[in-house]
Amino acid sequence: QVQLVESGGGLLQTGGSLRLSCAASGRTLHIHNVAWFRQAPGKEREFVADISGWNDNTKYVDSVKGRFTISRDNAKRTVYLQMNSMKPEDTAVYYCAADTSHNGDYDVWGPGTQVTVSS
């Protein structure tokens, strides 16, 4: 099995930066893609970014393009989300998720980390 734990969340001002980490443990060779999701108060969970386990290709939701960067360090078994030029609408609980089934489903999730951006 695979376990994921997020870290790096916090409170910051508009325009600031944070770097989130998603540390994987367990049978990490089973991981395919890794993604970041977020859920703001009163809103549906939304996809933020993902990274391929094979070639490091990345994808982003339009609202974070040019501001957020997802990356992976295989030696540290960690995926990162660098968040720059942050806005109040980025406030949410951020989750990382992994596809270990290779069928397109994100079947392993971390517990989440809170990110709050004040105006």
C-alpha atoms as a PDB file:
ATOM      1  CA  GLN A   1       0.000   0.000   0.000  1.00  0.00           C
ATOM      2  CA  VAL A   2       0.919   3.660  -0.456  1.00  0.00           C
ATOM      3  CA  GLN A   3       0.528   6.467   2.087  1.00  0.00           C
ATOM      4  CA  LEU A   4       0.664  10.213   1.388  1.00  0.00           C
ATOM      5  CA  VAL A   5       1.170  13.100   3.820  1.00  0.00           C
ATOM      6  CA  GLU A   6       0.992  16.792   2.885  1.00  0.00           C
ATOM      7  CA  SER A   7       2.940  19.546   4.618  1.00  0.00           C
ATOM      8  CA  GLY A   8       3.784  23.215   4.132  1.00  0.00           C
ATOM      9  CA  GLY A   9       0.385  24.833   4.484  1.00  0.00           C
ATOM     10  CA  GLY A  10      -0.092  28.067   6.364  1.00  0.00           C
ATOM     11  CA  LEU A  11      -1.423  31.610   6.402  1.00  0.00           C
ATOM     12  CA  LEU A  12      -0.030  34.289   4.104  1.00  0.00           C
ATOM     13  CA  GLN A  13      -0.842  37.597   2.459  1.00  0.00           C
ATOM     14  CA  THR A  14      -2.064  38.191  -1.066  1.00  0.00           C
ATOM     15  CA  GLY A  15       0.892  38.015  -3.455  1.00  0.00           C
ATOM     16  CA  GLY A  16       2.919  35.718  -1.227  1.00  0.00           C
ATOM     17  CA  SER A  17       4.291  32.245  -1.901  1.00  0.00           C
ATOM     18  CA  LEU A  18       4.107  28.795  -0.338  1.00  0.00           C
ATOM     19  CA  ARG A  19       5.570  25.441  -1.247  1.00  0.00           C
ATOM     20  CA  LEU A  20       3.552  22.362  -0.399  1.00  0.00           C
ATOM     21  CA  SER A  21       5.115  18.915  -0.108  1.00  0.00           C
ATOM     22  CA  CYS A  22       3.520  15.512  -0.557  1.00  0.00           C
ATOM     23  CA  ALA A  23       5.659  12.740   0.920  1.00  0.00           C
ATOM     24  CA  ALA A  24       4.968   9.177  -0.171  1.00  0.00           C
ATOM     25  CA  SER A  25       5.757   5.995   1.715  1.00  0.00           C
ATOM     26  CA  GLY A  26       5.023   2.329   1.313  1.00  0.00           C
ATOM     27  CA  ARG A  27       5.003   0.634  -2.078  1.00  0.00           C
ATOM     28  CA  THR A  28       5.815   3.782  -4.027  1.00  0.00           C
ATOM     29  CA  LEU A  29       6.819   1.936  -7.197  1.00  0.00           C
ATOM     30  CA  HIS A  30       3.104   1.374  -7.688  1.00  0.00           C
ATOM     31  CA  ILE A  31       2.452   5.135  -8.091  1.00  0.00           C
ATOM     32  CA  HIS A  32       1.501   6.365 -11.556  1.00  0.00           C
ATOM     33  CA  ASN A  33       0.326  10.000 -11.672  1.00  0.00           C
ATOM     34  CA  VAL A  34       0.254  12.311  -8.650  1.00  0.00           C
ATOM     35  CA  ALA A  35      -2.146  15.236  -8.427  1.00  0.00           C
ATOM     36  CA  TRP A  36      -3.011  18.170  -6.198  1.00  0.00           C
ATOM     37  CA  PHE A  37      -6.630  18.982  -5.440  1.00  0.00           C
ATOM     38  CA  ARG A  38      -8.156  21.673  -3.259  1.00  0.00           C
ATOM     39  CA  GLN A  39     -11.460  22.325  -1.567  1.00  0.00           C
ATOM     40  CA  ALA A  40     -12.509  25.819  -0.526  1.00  0.00           C
ATOM     41  CA  PRO A  41     -15.181  26.453   2.119  1.00  0.00           C
ATOM     42  CA  GLY A  42     -18.630  25.735   0.736  1.00  0.00           C
ATOM     43  CA  LYS A  43     -17.299  24.599  -2.631  1.00  0.00           C
ATOM     44  CA  GLU A  44     -16.678  21.365  -4.485  1.00  0.00           C
ATOM     45  CA  ARG A  45     -13.244  19.795  -4.507  1.00  0.00           C
ATOM     46  CA  GLU A  46     -11.386  20.827  -7.647  1.00  0.00           C
ATOM     47  CA  PHE A  47      -8.390  19.574  -9.570  1.00  0.00           C
ATOM     48  CA  VAL A  48      -5.337  21.852  -9.376  1.00  0.00           C
ATOM     49  CA  ALA A  49      -2.386  20.103 -11.047  1.00  0.00           C
ATOM     50  CA  ASP A  50      -0.912  16.713 -11.813  1.00  0.00           C
ATOM     51  CA  ILE A  51       2.401  15.231 -12.894  1.00  0.00           C
ATOM     52  CA  SER A  52       3.082  12.065 -14.843  1.00  0.00           C
ATOM     53  CA  GLY A  53       4.969   9.268 -13.166  1.00  0.00           C
ATOM     54  CA  TRP A  54       6.645   8.369 -16.453  1.00  0.00           C
ATOM     55  CA  ASN A  55       7.861  11.568 -18.114  1.00  0.00           C
ATOM     56  CA  ASP A  56       7.146  14.504 -15.734  1.00  0.00           C
ATOM     57  CA  ASN A  57       4.514  15.980 -18.049  1.00  0.00           C
ATOM     58  CA  THR A  58       2.305  18.373 -16.107  1.00  0.00           C
ATOM     59  CA  LYS A  59      -1.217  19.761 -16.306  1.00  0.00           C
ATOM     60  CA  TYR A  60      -2.867  22.689 -14.498  1.00  0.00           C
ATOM     61  CA  VAL A  61      -6.295  24.125 -14.005  1.00  0.00           C
ATOM     62  CA  ASP A  62      -6.585  27.438 -15.859  1.00  0.00           C
ATOM     63  CA  SER A  63      -6.909  29.525 -12.702  1.00  0.00           C
ATOM     64  CA  VAL A  64      -3.390  28.631 -11.491  1.00  0.00           C
ATOM     65  CA  LYS A  65      -1.464  28.525 -14.776  1.00  0.00           C
ATOM     66  CA  GLY A  66       1.618  30.725 -14.592  1.00  0.00           C
ATOM     67  CA  ARG A  67       1.437  30.904 -10.803  1.00  0.00           C
ATOM     68  CA  PHE A  68       1.686  27.295  -9.557  1.00  0.00           C
ATOM     69  CA  THR A  69       4.285  24.665 -10.460  1.00  0.00           C
ATOM     70  CA  ILE A  70       4.090  20.952  -9.695  1.00  0.00           C
ATOM     71  CA  SER A  71       7.324  18.956  -9.553  1.00  0.00           C
ATOM     72  CA  ARG A  72       8.650  15.637  -8.292  1.00  0.00           C
ATOM     73  CA  ASP A  73      11.842  14.440  -6.587  1.00  0.00           C
ATOM     74  CA  ASN A  74      11.984  10.676  -6.999  1.00  0.00           C
ATOM     75  CA  ALA A  75      14.965  10.260  -4.665  1.00  0.00           C
ATOM     76  CA  LYS A  76      13.000  11.912  -1.854  1.00  0.00           C
ATOM     77  CA  ARG A  77       9.735  10.268  -2.908  1.00  0.00           C
ATOM     78  CA  THR A  78       8.114  13.686  -2.719  1.00  0.00           C
ATOM     79  CA  VAL A  79       5.894  15.785  -4.994  1.00  0.00           C
ATOM     80  CA  TYR A  80       5.824  19.560  -4.569  1.00  0.00           C
ATOM     81  CA  LEU A  81       3.419  22.348  -5.397  1.00  0.00           C
ATOM     82  CA  GLN A  82       5.088  25.751  -5.591  1.00  0.00           C
ATOM     83  CA  MET A  83       2.436  28.452  -5.296  1.00  0.00           C
ATOM     84  CA  ASN A  84       3.314  32.046  -6.200  1.00  0.00           C
ATOM     85  CA  SER A  85       1.330  35.276  -6.511  1.00  0.00           C
ATOM     86  CA  MET A  86      -1.334  33.828  -4.289  1.00  0.00           C
ATOM     87  CA  LYS A  87      -4.851  35.218  -4.115  1.00  0.00           C
ATOM     88  CA  PRO A  88      -7.617  34.973  -1.516  1.00  0.00           C
ATOM     89  CA  GLU A  89      -9.493  32.629  -3.847  1.00  0.00           C
ATOM     90  CA  ASP A  90      -6.624  30.143  -3.434  1.00  0.00           C
ATOM     91  CA  THR A  91      -7.710  29.623   0.178  1.00  0.00           C
ATOM     92  CA  ALA A  92      -8.575  25.945   0.600  1.00  0.00           C
ATOM     93  CA  VAL A  93      -7.555  22.638   2.055  1.00  0.00           C
ATOM     94  CA  TYR A  94      -5.015  21.179  -0.365  1.00  0.00           C
ATOM     95  CA  TYR A  95      -4.790  17.425  -0.904  1.00  0.00           C
ATOM     96  CA  CYS A  96      -2.352  15.283  -2.825  1.00  0.00           C
ATOM     97  CA  ALA A  97      -3.538  12.097  -4.459  1.00  0.00           C
ATOM     98  CA  ALA A  98      -1.919   9.199  -6.293  1.00  0.00           C
ATOM     99  CA  ASP A  99      -3.065   6.817  -8.970  1.00  0.00           C
ATOM    100  CA  THR A 100      -1.775   3.389  -7.960  1.00  0.00           C
ATOM    101  CA  SER A 101      -4.252   1.356 -10.006  1.00  0.00           C
ATOM    102  CA  HIS A 102      -3.161   2.735 -13.411  1.00  0.00           C
ATOM    103  CA  ASN A 103      -6.792   3.003 -14.443  1.00  0.00           C
ATOM    104  CA  GLY A 104      -7.165   6.782 -14.166  1.00  0.00           C
ATOM    105  CA  ASP A 105      -8.582   6.812 -10.633  1.00  0.00           C
ATOM    106  CA  TYR A 106      -6.862   8.632  -7.778  1.00  0.00           C
ATOM    107  CA  ASP A 107      -7.221   5.903  -5.176  1.00  0.00           C
ATOM    108  CA  VAL A 108      -4.815   7.095  -2.444  1.00  0.00           C
ATOM    109  CA  TRP A 109      -5.203  10.475  -0.726  1.00  0.00           C
ATOM    110  CA  GLY A 110      -3.392  12.437   1.939  1.00  0.00           C
ATOM    111  CA  PRO A 111      -5.205  14.026   4.885  1.00  0.00           C
ATOM    112  CA  GLY A 112      -4.826  17.563   3.518  1.00  0.00           C
ATOM    113  CA  THR A 113      -3.137  20.791   4.590  1.00  0.00           C
ATOM    114  CA  GLN A 114      -4.804  24.177   5.097  1.00  0.00           C
ATOM    115  CA  VAL A 115      -3.748  27.171   2.998  1.00  0.00           C
ATOM    116  CA  THR A 116      -5.224  30.559   3.878  1.00  0.00           C
ATOM    117  CA  VAL A 117      -4.559  33.730   1.860  1.00  0.00           C
ATOM    118  CA  SER A 118      -5.662  36.985   3.472  1.00  0.00           C
ATOM    119  CA  SER A 119      -6.455  40.209   1.648  1.00  0.00           C
END
